[in-house]
All heavy atoms as atom14 arrays in JSON, in Angstrom:
{
  "sequence": "KADGHIDAAERANIMDKVHAVDLGAEAEAFIANELANPVDIEDLVAAA",
  "atom14_mask": [
    [1, 1, 1, 1, 1, 1, 1, 1, 1, 0, 0, 0, 0, 0],
    [1, 1, 1, 1, 1, 0, 0, 0, 0, 0, 0, 0, 0, 0],
    [1, 1, 1, 1, 1, 1, 1, 1, 0, 0, 0, 0, 0, 0],
    [1, 1, 1, 1, 0, 0, 0, 0, 0, 0, 0, 0, 0, 0],
    [1, 1, 1, 1, 1, 1, 1, 1, 1, 1, 0, 0, 0, 0],
    [1, 1, 1, 1, 1, 1, 1, 1, 0, 0, 0, 0, 0, 0],
    [1, 1, 1, 1, 1, 1, 1, 1, 0, 0, 0, 0, 0, 0],
    [1, 1, 1, 1, 1, 0, 0, 0, 0, 0, 0, 0, 0, 0],
    [1, 1, 1, 1, 1, 0, 0, 0, 0, 0, 0, 0, 0, 0],
    [1, 1, 1, 1, 1, 1, 1, 1, 1, 0, 0, 0, 0, 0],
    [1, 1, 1, 1, 1, 1, 1, 1, 1, 1, 1, 0, 0, 0],
    [1, 1, 1, 1, 1, 0, 0, 0, 0, 0, 0, 0, 0, 0],
    [1, 1, 1, 1, 1, 1, 1, 1, 0, 0, 0, 0, 0, 0],
    [1, 1, 1, 1, 1, 1, 1, 1, 0, 0, 0, 0, 0, 0],
    [1, 1, 1, 1, 1, 1, 1, 1, 0, 0, 0, 0, 0, 0],
    [1, 1, 1, 1, 1, 1, 1, 1, 0, 0, 0, 0, 0, 0],
    [1, 1, 1, 1, 1, 1, 1, 1, 1, 0, 0, 0, 0, 0],
    [1, 1, 1, 1, 1, 1, 1, 0, 0, 0, 0, 0, 0, 0],
    [1, 1, 1, 1, 1, 1, 1, 1, 1, 1, 0, 0, 0, 0],
    [1, 1, 1, 1, 1, 0, 0, 0, 0, 0, 0, 0, 0, 0],
    [1, 1, 1, 1, 1, 1, 1, 0, 0, 0, 0, 0, 0, 0],
    [1, 1, 1, 1, 1, 1, 1, 1, 0, 0, 0, 0, 0, 0],
    [1, 1, 1, 1, 1, 1, 1, 1, 0, 0, 0, 0, 0, 0],
    [1, 1, 1, 1, 0, 0, 0, 0, 0, 0, 0, 0, 0, 0],
    [1, 1, 1, 1, 1, 0, 0, 0, 0, 0, 0, 0, 0, 0],
    [1, 1, 1, 1, 1, 1, 1, 1, 1, 0, 0, 0, 0, 0],
    [1, 1, 1, 1, 1, 0, 0, 0, 0, 0, 0, 0, 0, 0],
    [1, 1, 1, 1, 1, 1, 1, 1, 1, 0, 0, 0, 0, 0],
    [1, 1, 1, 1, 1, 0, 0, 0, 0, 0, 0, 0, 0, 0],
    [1, 1, 1, 1, 1, 1, 1, 1, 1, 1, 1, 0, 0, 0],
    [1, 1, 1, 1, 1, 1, 1, 1, 0, 0, 0, 0, 0, 0],
    [1, 1, 1, 1, 1, 0, 0, 0, 0, 0, 0, 0, 0, 0],
    [1, 1, 1, 1, 1, 1, 1, 1, 0, 0, 0, 0, 0, 0],
    [1, 1, 1, 1, 1, 1, 1, 1, 1, 0, 0, 0, 0, 0],
    [1, 1, 1, 1, 1, 1, 1, 1, 0, 0, 0, 0, 0, 0],
    [1, 1, 1, 1, 1, 0, 0, 0, 0, 0, 0, 0, 0, 0],
    [1, 1, 1, 1, 1, 1, 1, 1, 0, 0, 0, 0, 0, 0],
    [1, 1, 1, 1, 1, 1, 1, 0, 0, 0, 0, 0, 0, 0],
    [1, 1, 1, 1, 1, 1, 1, 0, 0, 0, 0, 0, 0, 0],
    [1, 1, 1, 1, 1, 1, 1, 1, 0, 0, 0, 0, 0, 0],
    [1, 1, 1, 1, 1, 1, 1, 1, 0, 0, 0, 0, 0, 0],
    [1, 1, 1, 1, 1, 1, 1, 1, 1, 0, 0, 0, 0, 0],
    [1, 1, 1, 1, 1, 1, 1, 1, 0, 0, 0, 0, 0, 0],
    [1, 1, 1, 1, 1, 1, 1, 1, 0, 0, 0, 0, 0, 0],
    [1, 1, 1, 1, 1, 1, 1, 0, 0, 0, 0, 0, 0, 0],
    [1, 1, 1, 1, 1, 0, 0, 0, 0, 0, 0, 0, 0, 0],
    [1, 1, 1, 1, 1, 0, 0, 0, 0, 0, 0, 0, 0, 0],
    [1, 1, 1, 1, 1, 0, 0, 0, 0, 0, 0, 0, 0, 0]
  ],
  "atom14_positions": [
    [[-147.15, -123.85, -50.59], [-147.12, -122.39, -50.63], [-146.72, -121.76, -49.31], [-146.58, -120.54, -49.2], [-148.5, -121.84, -51.03], [-148.95, -122.24, -52.42], [-150.18, -121.46, -52.86], [-151.38, -121.72, -51.99], [-152.58, -120.97, -52.42], [0.0, 0.0, 0.0], [0.0, 0.0, 0.0], [0.0, 0.0, 0.0], [0.0, 0.0, 0.0], [0.0, 0.0, 0.0]],
    [[-146.51, -122.59, -48.28], [-146.35, -122.06, -46.92], [-145.14, -121.16, -46.75], [-145.17, -120.23, -45.95], [-146.28, -123.22, -45.92], [0.0, 0.0, 0.0], [0.0, 0.0, 0.0], [0.0, 0.0, 0.0], [0.0, 0.0, 0.0], [0.0, 0.0, 0.0], [0.0, 0.0, 0.0], [0.0, 0.0, 0.0], [0.0, 0.0, 0.0], [0.0, 0.0, 0.0]],
    [[-144.07, -121.41, -47.51], [-142.88, -120.59, -47.33], [-142.86, -119.37, -48.24], [-141.9, -118.6, -48.25], [-141.6, -121.41, -47.53], [-141.43, -121.89, -48.97], [-142.34, -121.66, -49.79], [-140.38, -122.49, -49.26], [0.0, 0.0, 0.0], [0.0, 0.0, 0.0], [0.0, 0.0, 0.0], [0.0, 0.0, 0.0], [0.0, 0.0, 0.0], [0.0, 0.0, 0.0]],
    [[-143.93, -119.2, -49.03], [-144.08, -117.99, -49.83], [-143.23, -117.93, -51.09], [-143.11, -116.87, -51.7], [0.0, 0.0, 0.0], [0.0, 0.0, 0.0], [0.0, 0.0, 0.0], [0.0, 0.0, 0.0], [0.0, 0.0, 0.0], [0.0, 0.0, 0.0], [0.0, 0.0, 0.0], [0.0, 0.0, 0.0], [0.0, 0.0, 0.0], [0.0, 0.0, 0.0]],
    [[-142.65, -119.06, -51.52], [-141.77, -119.01, -52.68], [-142.51, -119.06, -54.01], [-141.91, -118.86, -55.07], [-140.74, -120.15, -52.63], [-141.25, -121.47, -53.1], [-142.01, -122.3, -52.31], [-141.12, -122.11, -54.3], [-142.32, -123.39, -53.0], [-141.79, -123.3, -54.19], [0.0, 0.0, 0.0], [0.0, 0.0, 0.0], [0.0, 0.0, 0.0], [0.0, 0.0, 0.0]],
    [[-143.81, -119.32, -53.99], [-144.57, -119.44, -55.24], [-145.22, -118.11, -55.58], [-146.31, -117.79, -55.08], [-145.62, -120.57, -55.14], [-144.93, -121.91, -54.84], [-146.4, -120.68, -56.45], [-145.89, -123.08, -54.71], [0.0, 0.0, 0.0], [0.0, 0.0, 0.0], [0.0, 0.0, 0.0], [0.0, 0.0, 0.0], [0.0, 0.0, 0.0], [0.0, 0.0, 0.0]],
    [[-144.56, -117.31, -56.42], [-145.12, -116.05, -56.88], [-145.76, -116.26, -58.26], [-145.88, -117.4, -58.73], [-144.05, -114.96, -56.94], [-142.85, -115.37, -57.81], [-142.98, -116.33, -58.61], [-141.8, -114.72, -57.69], [0.0, 0.0, 0.0], [0.0, 0.0, 0.0], [0.0, 0.0, 0.0], [0.0, 0.0, 0.0], [0.0, 0.0, 0.0], [0.0, 0.0, 0.0]],
    [[-146.18, -115.18, -58.91], [-146.89, -115.31, -60.18], [-146.03, -115.98, -61.24], [-146.5, -116.83, -62.0], [-147.34, -113.92, -60.66], [0.0, 0.0, 0.0], [0.0, 0.0, 0.0], [0.0, 0.0, 0.0], [0.0, 0.0, 0.0], [0.0, 0.0, 0.0], [0.0, 0.0, 0.0], [0.0, 0.0, 0.0], [0.0, 0.0, 0.0], [0.0, 0.0, 0.0]],
    [[-144.75, -115.61, -61.29], [-143.85, -116.21, -62.29], [-143.66, -117.7, -62.02], [-143.66, -118.52, -62.95], [-142.51, -115.49, -62.28], [0.0, 0.0, 0.0], [0.0, 0.0, 0.0], [0.0, 0.0, 0.0], [0.0, 0.0, 0.0], [0.0, 0.0, 0.0], [0.0, 0.0, 0.0], [0.0, 0.0, 0.0], [0.0, 0.0, 0.0], [0.0, 0.0, 0.0]],
    [[-143.51, -118.05, -60.75], [-143.34, -119.46, -60.39], [-144.6, -120.25, -60.68], [-144.54, -121.41, -61.11], [-142.93, -119.6, -58.93], [-142.69, -121.03, -58.47], [-141.55, -121.72, -59.18], [-140.77, -121.06, -59.91], [-141.43, -122.95, -59.02], [0.0, 0.0, 0.0], [0.0, 0.0, 0.0], [0.0, 0.0, 0.0], [0.0, 0.0, 0.0], [0.0, 0.0, 0.0]],
    [[-145.78, -119.64, -60.46], [-147.04, -120.33, -60.78], [-147.11, -120.66, -62.26], [-147.52, -121.75, -62.65], [-148.24, -119.46, -60.38], [-148.48, -119.36, -58.9], [-149.92, -118.96, -58.6], [-150.34, -117.75, -59.28], [-150.21, -116.52, -58.79], [-149.63, -116.35, -57.61], [-150.64, -115.47, -59.45], [0.0, 0.0, 0.0], [0.0, 0.0, 0.0], [0.0, 0.0, 0.0]],
    [[-146.71, -119.71, -63.09], [-146.73, -119.95, -64.54], [-145.77, -121.08, -64.91], [-146.09, -121.93, -65.75], [-146.35, -118.66, -65.27], [0.0, 0.0, 0.0], [0.0, 0.0, 0.0], [0.0, 0.0, 0.0], [0.0, 0.0, 0.0], [0.0, 0.0, 0.0], [0.0, 0.0, 0.0], [0.0, 0.0, 0.0], [0.0, 0.0, 0.0], [0.0, 0.0, 0.0]],
    [[-144.6, -121.1, -64.28], [-143.62, -122.15, -64.53], [-144.17, -123.51, -64.11], [-144.03, -124.51, -64.83], [-142.34, -121.84, -63.77], [-141.26, -122.9, -63.97], [-140.98, -123.3, -65.09], [-140.66, -123.35, -62.88], [0.0, 0.0, 0.0], [0.0, 0.0, 0.0], [0.0, 0.0, 0.0], [0.0, 0.0, 0.0], [0.0, 0.0, 0.0], [0.0, 0.0, 0.0]],
    [[-144.8, -123.56, -62.94], [-145.39, -124.8, -62.44], [-146.47, -125.3, -63.38], [-146.52, -126.48, -63.74], [-145.95, -124.6, -61.03], [-144.81, -124.45, -60.02], [-146.85, -125.78, -60.63], [-145.27, -124.0, -58.65], [0.0, 0.0, 0.0], [0.0, 0.0, 0.0], [0.0, 0.0, 0.0], [0.0, 0.0, 0.0], [0.0, 0.0, 0.0], [0.0, 0.0, 0.0]],
    [[-147.34, -124.4, -63.83], [-148.46, -124.81, -64.67], [-147.97, -125.3, -66.04], [-148.58, -126.19, -66.63], [-149.47, -123.67, -64.83], [-150.25, -123.36, -63.56], [-150.96, -124.83, -62.73], [-152.03, -125.49, -64.03], [0.0, 0.0, 0.0], [0.0, 0.0, 0.0], [0.0, 0.0, 0.0], [0.0, 0.0, 0.0], [0.0, 0.0, 0.0], [0.0, 0.0, 0.0]],
    [[-146.87, -124.75, -66.54], [-146.29, -125.26, -67.78], [-145.91, -126.73, -67.62], [-146.14, -127.56, -68.5], [-145.06, -124.45, -68.17], [-145.41, -123.11, -68.81], [-146.58, -122.95, -69.21], [-144.52, -122.25, -68.89], [0.0, 0.0, 0.0], [0.0, 0.0, 0.0], [0.0, 0.0, 0.0], [0.0, 0.0, 0.0], [0.0, 0.0, 0.0], [0.0, 0.0, 0.0]],
    [[-145.32, -127.07, -66.47], [-144.89, -128.43, -66.22], [-146.08, -129.34, -65.91], [-146.1, -130.51, -66.32], [-143.87, -128.44, -65.07], [-142.58, -127.72, -65.44], [-141.62, -127.61, -64.28], [-140.35, -126.87, -64.68], [-139.41, -126.69, -63.55], [0.0, 0.0, 0.0], [0.0, 0.0, 0.0], [0.0, 0.0, 0.0], [0.0, 0.0, 0.0], [0.0, 0.0, 0.0]],
    [[-147.06, -128.82, -65.18], [-148.26, -129.59, -64.91], [-148.97, -129.94, -66.22], [-149.49, -131.05, -66.39], [-149.2, -128.82, -63.97], [-150.58, -129.46, -63.92], [-148.61, -128.76, -62.56], [0.0, 0.0, 0.0], [0.0, 0.0, 0.0], [0.0, 0.0, 0.0], [0.0, 0.0, 0.0], [0.0, 0.0, 0.0], [0.0, 0.0, 0.0], [0.0, 0.0, 0.0]],
    [[-148.98, -129.0, -67.14], [-149.63, -129.23, -68.44], [-148.98, -130.4, -69.17], [-149.66, -131.16, -69.87], [-149.56, -127.97, -69.29], [-150.27, -128.09, -70.6], [-151.66, -128.21, -70.71], [-149.81, -128.12, -71.87], [-151.99, -128.31, -71.98], [-150.9, -128.27, -72.71], [0.0, 0.0, 0.0], [0.0, 0.0, 0.0], [0.0, 0.0, 0.0], [0.0, 0.0, 0.0]],
    [[-147.67, -130.59, -68.97], [-146.96, -131.68, -69.64], [-147.4, -133.04, -69.15], [-147.24, -134.04, -69.84], [-145.45, -131.52, -69.43], [0.0, 0.0, 0.0], [0.0, 0.0, 0.0], [0.0, 0.0, 0.0], [0.0, 0.0, 0.0], [0.0, 0.0, 0.0], [0.0, 0.0, 0.0], [0.0, 0.0, 0.0], [0.0, 0.0, 0.0], [0.0, 0.0, 0.0]],
    [[-147.98, -133.11, -67.94], [-148.46, -134.37, -67.39], [-149.78, -134.78, -68.03], [-150.18, -135.94, -67.98], [-148.61, -134.27, -65.86], [-149.02, -135.59, -65.24], [-147.31, -133.79, -65.23], [0.0, 0.0, 0.0], [0.0, 0.0, 0.0], [0.0, 0.0, 0.0], [0.0, 0.0, 0.0], [0.0, 0.0, 0.0], [0.0, 0.0, 0.0], [0.0, 0.0, 0.0]],
    [[-150.47, -133.81, -68.67], [-151.75, -134.07, -69.34], [-152.79, -134.6, -68.37], [-153.34, -135.7, -68.54], [-151.56, -135.04, -70.51], [-152.77, -135.08, -71.43], [-153.56, -134.11, -71.41], [-152.94, -136.07, -72.15], [0.0, 0.0, 0.0], [0.0, 0.0, 0.0], [0.0, 0.0, 0.0], [0.0, 0.0, 0.0], [0.0, 0.0, 0.0], [0.0, 0.0, 0.0]],
    [[-153.1, -133.82, -67.35], [-154.09, -134.2, -66.35], [-155.51, -133.99, -66.81], [-156.45, -134.55, -66.23], [-153.87, -133.39, -65.06], [-152.51, -133.48, -64.39], [-152.42, -132.5, -63.24], [-152.26, -134.9, -63.91], [0.0, 0.0, 0.0], [0.0, 0.0, 0.0], [0.0, 0.0, 0.0], [0.0, 0.0, 0.0], [0.0, 0.0, 0.0], [0.0, 0.0, 0.0]],
    [[-155.69, -133.19, -67.82], [-157.03, -132.8, -68.24], [-157.32, -131.38, -67.82], [-156.79, -130.88, -66.82], [0.0, 0.0, 0.0], [0.0, 0.0, 0.0], [0.0, 0.0, 0.0], [0.0, 0.0, 0.0], [0.0, 0.0, 0.0], [0.0, 0.0, 0.0], [0.0, 0.0, 0.0], [0.0, 0.0, 0.0], [0.0, 0.0, 0.0], [0.0, 0.0, 0.0]],
    [[-158.16, -130.7, -68.57], [-158.41, -129.28, -68.36], [-158.99, -128.99, -66.98], [-158.62, -128.0, -66.33], [-159.35, -128.75, -69.45], [0.0, 0.0, 0.0], [0.0, 0.0, 0.0], [0.0, 0.0, 0.0], [0.0, 0.0, 0.0], [0.0, 0.0, 0.0], [0.0, 0.0, 0.0], [0.0, 0.0, 0.0], [0.0, 0.0, 0.0], [0.0, 0.0, 0.0]],
    [[-159.9, -129.83, -66.51], [-160.57, -129.58, -65.23], [-159.58, -129.68, -64.07], [-159.57, -128.83, -63.17], [-161.72, -130.56, -65.04], [-162.64, -130.17, -63.89], [-163.85, -131.1, -63.78], [-163.91, -132.1, -64.52], [-164.72, -130.82, -62.94], [0.0, 0.0, 0.0], [0.0, 0.0, 0.0], [0.0, 0.0, 0.0], [0.0, 0.0, 0.0], [0.0, 0.0, 0.0]],
    [[-158.75, -130.72, -64.08], [-157.77, -130.88, -63.01], [-156.72, -129.77, -63.05], [-156.32, -129.24, -62.01], [-157.09, -132.24, -63.13], [0.0, 0.0, 0.0], [0.0, 0.0, 0.0], [0.0, 0.0, 0.0], [0.0, 0.0, 0.0], [0.0, 0.0, 0.0], [0.0, 0.0, 0.0], [0.0, 0.0, 0.0], [0.0, 0.0, 0.0], [0.0, 0.0, 0.0]],
    [[-156.3, -129.38, -64.25], [-155.33, -128.29, -64.37], [-155.92, -126.98, -63.84], [-155.23, -126.21, -63.14], [-154.91, -128.1, -65.83], [-153.93, -129.14, -66.32], [-153.4, -128.81, -67.7], [-153.29, -127.6, -68.03], [-153.09, -129.75, -68.47], [0.0, 0.0, 0.0], [0.0, 0.0, 0.0], [0.0, 0.0, 0.0], [0.0, 0.0, 0.0], [0.0, 0.0, 0.0]],
    [[-157.18, -126.73, -64.16], [-157.83, -125.5, -63.69], [-157.94, -125.49, -62.17], [-157.76, -124.45, -61.52], [-159.22, -125.36, -64.32], [0.0, 0.0, 0.0], [0.0, 0.0, 0.0], [0.0, 0.0, 0.0], [0.0, 0.0, 0.0], [0.0, 0.0, 0.0], [0.0, 0.0, 0.0], [0.0, 0.0, 0.0], [0.0, 0.0, 0.0], [0.0, 0.0, 0.0]],
    [[-158.21, -126.66, -61.6], [-158.28, -126.77, -60.14], [-156.94, -126.43, -59.5], [-156.87, -125.64, -58.54], [-158.69, -128.19, -59.75], [-158.46, -128.52, -58.3], [-159.31, -128.05, -57.32], [-157.38, -129.31, -57.93], [-159.09, -128.35, -55.99], [-157.16, -129.62, -56.6], [-158.01, -129.13, -55.62], [0.0, 0.0, 0.0], [0.0, 0.0, 0.0], [0.0, 0.0, 0.0]],
    [[-155.84, -127.0, -60.02], [-154.51, -126.73, -59.47], [-154.16, -125.25, -59.62], [-153.65, -124.62, -58.68], [-153.46, -127.61, -60.16], [-153.7, -129.08, -59.81], [-152.04, -127.2, -59.75], [-152.81, -130.05, -60.57], [0.0, 0.0, 0.0], [0.0, 0.0, 0.0], [0.0, 0.0, 0.0], [0.0, 0.0, 0.0], [0.0, 0.0, 0.0], [0.0, 0.0, 0.0]],
    [[-154.44, -124.68, -60.8], [-154.14, -123.26, -61.03], [-154.89, -122.38, -60.04], [-154.33, -121.42, -59.5], [-154.49, -122.88, -62.46], [0.0, 0.0, 0.0], [0.0, 0.0, 0.0], [0.0, 0.0, 0.0], [0.0, 0.0, 0.0], [0.0, 0.0, 0.0], [0.0, 0.0, 0.0], [0.0, 0.0, 0.0], [0.0, 0.0, 0.0], [0.0, 0.0, 0.0]],
    [[-156.14, -122.71, -59.78], [-156.95, -121.93, -58.85], [-156.41, -122.03, -57.42], [-156.33, -121.03, -56.7], [-158.39, -122.41, -58.89], [-159.3, -121.59, -57.99], [-159.57, -120.42, -58.24], [-159.8, -122.21, -56.93], [0.0, 0.0, 0.0], [0.0, 0.0, 0.0], [0.0, 0.0, 0.0], [0.0, 0.0, 0.0], [0.0, 0.0, 0.0], [0.0, 0.0, 0.0]],
    [[-156.02, -123.23, -57.02], [-155.48, -123.42, -55.67], [-154.15, -122.7, -55.51], [-153.86, -122.16, -54.43], [-155.32, -124.91, -55.37], [-156.61, -125.68, -55.23], [-157.46, -125.2, -54.06], [-156.89, -124.97, -52.98], [-158.68, -125.05, -54.23], [0.0, 0.0, 0.0], [0.0, 0.0, 0.0], [0.0, 0.0, 0.0], [0.0, 0.0, 0.0], [0.0, 0.0, 0.0]],
    [[-153.34, -122.69, -56.54], [-152.06, -121.99, -56.48], [-152.24, -120.48, -56.38], [-151.47, -119.79, -55.69], [-151.21, -122.32, -57.71], [-150.54, -123.69, -57.76], [-149.94, -123.93, -59.14], [-149.46, -123.8, -56.69], [0.0, 0.0, 0.0], [0.0, 0.0, 0.0], [0.0, 0.0, 0.0], [0.0, 0.0, 0.0], [0.0, 0.0, 0.0], [0.0, 0.0, 0.0]],
    [[-153.25, -119.97, -57.07], [-153.42, -118.52, -57.17], [-154.12, -117.91, -55.96], [-153.95, -116.72, -55.69], [-154.2, -118.18, -58.44], [0.0, 0.0, 0.0], [0.0, 0.0, 0.0], [0.0, 0.0, 0.0], [0.0, 0.0, 0.0], [0.0, 0.0, 0.0], [0.0, 0.0, 0.0], [0.0, 0.0, 0.0], [0.0, 0.0, 0.0], [0.0, 0.0, 0.0]],
    [[-154.89, -118.69, -55.23], [-155.72, -118.13, -54.16], [-155.23, -118.56, -52.78], [-154.69, -119.65, -52.63], [-157.17, -118.57, -54.36], [-157.78, -117.98, -55.61], [-157.87, -116.76, -55.75], [-158.19, -118.84, -56.54], [0.0, 0.0, 0.0], [0.0, 0.0, 0.0], [0.0, 0.0, 0.0], [0.0, 0.0, 0.0], [0.0, 0.0, 0.0], [0.0, 0.0, 0.0]],
    [[-155.43, -117.71, -51.79], [-155.01, -118.07, -50.43], [-155.8, -119.26, -49.9], [-156.98, -119.45, -50.23], [-155.3, -116.8, -49.61], [-156.31, -116.05, -50.41], [-156.03, -116.37, -51.85], [0.0, 0.0, 0.0], [0.0, 0.0, 0.0], [0.0, 0.0, 0.0], [0.0, 0.0, 0.0], [0.0, 0.0, 0.0], [0.0, 0.0, 0.0], [0.0, 0.0, 0.0]],
    [[-155.14, -120.06, -49.08], [-155.79, -121.24, -48.51], [-156.71, -120.82, -47.37], [-156.43, -119.88, -46.63], [-154.73, -122.24, -47.99], [-153.91, -121.61, -46.86], [-155.38, -123.52, -47.49], [0.0, 0.0, 0.0], [0.0, 0.0, 0.0], [0.0, 0.0, 0.0], [0.0, 0.0, 0.0], [0.0, 0.0, 0.0], [0.0, 0.0, 0.0], [0.0, 0.0, 0.0]],
    [[-157.84, -121.51, -47.27], [-158.73, -121.34, -46.12], [-158.51, -122.56, -45.23], [-159.08, -123.62, -45.48], [-160.19, -121.24, -46.57], [-161.12, -120.88, -45.42], [-160.77, -121.18, -44.26], [-162.19, -120.31, -45.67], [0.0, 0.0, 0.0], [0.0, 0.0, 0.0], [0.0, 0.0, 0.0], [0.0, 0.0, 0.0], [0.0, 0.0, 0.0], [0.0, 0.0, 0.0]],
    [[-157.67, -122.41, -44.23], [-157.31, -123.55, -43.39], [-158.52, -124.1, -42.65], [-158.61, -125.3, -42.36], [-156.18, -123.18, -42.41], [-155.52, -124.45, -41.88], [-156.67, -122.27, -41.3], [-154.21, -124.19, -41.16], [0.0, 0.0, 0.0], [0.0, 0.0, 0.0], [0.0, 0.0, 0.0], [0.0, 0.0, 0.0], [0.0, 0.0, 0.0], [0.0, 0.0, 0.0]],
    [[-159.5, -123.24, -42.36], [-160.7, -123.71, -41.66], [-161.51, -124.65, -42.54], [-162.12, -125.61, -42.04], [-161.55, -122.53, -41.21], [-160.86, -121.57, -40.25], [-160.37, -122.25, -38.98], [-160.93, -123.3, -38.6], [-159.43, -121.73, -38.36], [0.0, 0.0, 0.0], [0.0, 0.0, 0.0], [0.0, 0.0, 0.0], [0.0, 0.0, 0.0], [0.0, 0.0, 0.0]],
    [[-161.52, -124.41, -43.84], [-162.2, -125.31, -44.77], [-161.53, -126.67, -44.79], [-162.2, -127.71, -44.81], [-162.21, -124.72, -46.18], [-163.33, -123.71, -46.38], [-164.15, -123.54, -45.46], [-163.35, -123.07, -47.45], [0.0, 0.0, 0.0], [0.0, 0.0, 0.0], [0.0, 0.0, 0.0], [0.0, 0.0, 0.0], [0.0, 0.0, 0.0], [0.0, 0.0, 0.0]],
    [[-160.2, -126.67, -44.81], [-159.47, -127.94, -44.79], [-159.78, -128.73, -43.53], [-160.06, -129.93, -43.59], [-157.96, -127.68, -44.87], [-157.42, -127.07, -46.17], [-155.91, -126.86, -46.04], [-157.72, -127.95, -47.37], [0.0, 0.0, 0.0], [0.0, 0.0, 0.0], [0.0, 0.0, 0.0], [0.0, 0.0, 0.0], [0.0, 0.0, 0.0], [0.0, 0.0, 0.0]],
    [[-159.73, -128.05, -42.4], [-159.97, -128.71, -41.12], [-161.4, -129.23, -41.03], [-161.64, -130.35, -40.55], [-159.66, -127.75, -39.95], [-160.1, -128.34, -38.62], [-158.16, -127.43, -39.91], [0.0, 0.0, 0.0], [0.0, 0.0, 0.0], [0.0, 0.0, 0.0], [0.0, 0.0, 0.0], [0.0, 0.0, 0.0], [0.0, 0.0, 0.0], [0.0, 0.0, 0.0]],
    [[-162.35, -128.45, -41.51], [-163.76, -128.85, -41.44], [-164.04, -130.09, -42.28], [-164.96, -130.86, -41.98], [-164.65, -127.7, -41.9], [0.0, 0.0, 0.0], [0.0, 0.0, 0.0], [0.0, 0.0, 0.0], [0.0, 0.0, 0.0], [0.0, 0.0, 0.0], [0.0, 0.0, 0.0], [0.0, 0.0, 0.0], [0.0, 0.0, 0.0], [0.0, 0.0, 0.0]],
    [[-163.23, -130.31, -43.32], [-163.44, -131.47, -44.19], [-162.99, -132.77, -43.54], [-163.37, -133.85, -43.97], [-162.71, -131.27, -45.51], [0.0, 0.0, 0.0], [0.0, 0.0, 0.0], [0.0, 0.0, 0.0], [0.0, 0.0, 0.0], [0.0, 0.0, 0.0], [0.0, 0.0, 0.0], [0.0, 0.0, 0.0], [0.0, 0.0, 0.0], [0.0, 0.0, 0.0]],
    [[-162.15, -132.67, -42.5], [-161.67, -133.87, -41.79], [-162.58, -134.13, -40.6], [-162.44, -133.51, -39.55], [-160.23, -133.66, -41.33], [0.0, 0.0, 0.0], [0.0, 0.0, 0.0], [0.0, 0.0, 0.0], [0.0, 0.0, 0.0], [0.0, 0.0, 0.0], [0.0, 0.0, 0.0], [0.0, 0.0, 0.0], [0.0, 0.0, 0.0], [0.0, 0.0, 0.0]]
  ]
}
C-alpha cells in the first residue's frame, strides 16, 4: 500500500482474486481489514 495505488475499487478487485484462492473466511477477513485500514508501523516494529 506504500505507493497509494490501492483505493476502494482496487481493494474490491484484490479481494475477488483472493477469494478465488479459497483461504478461508477468517484469513480473507484479515486481509480485507489490513487493506482497508492504515498501517501502524510502530506495532510492526514492536513485534520484532
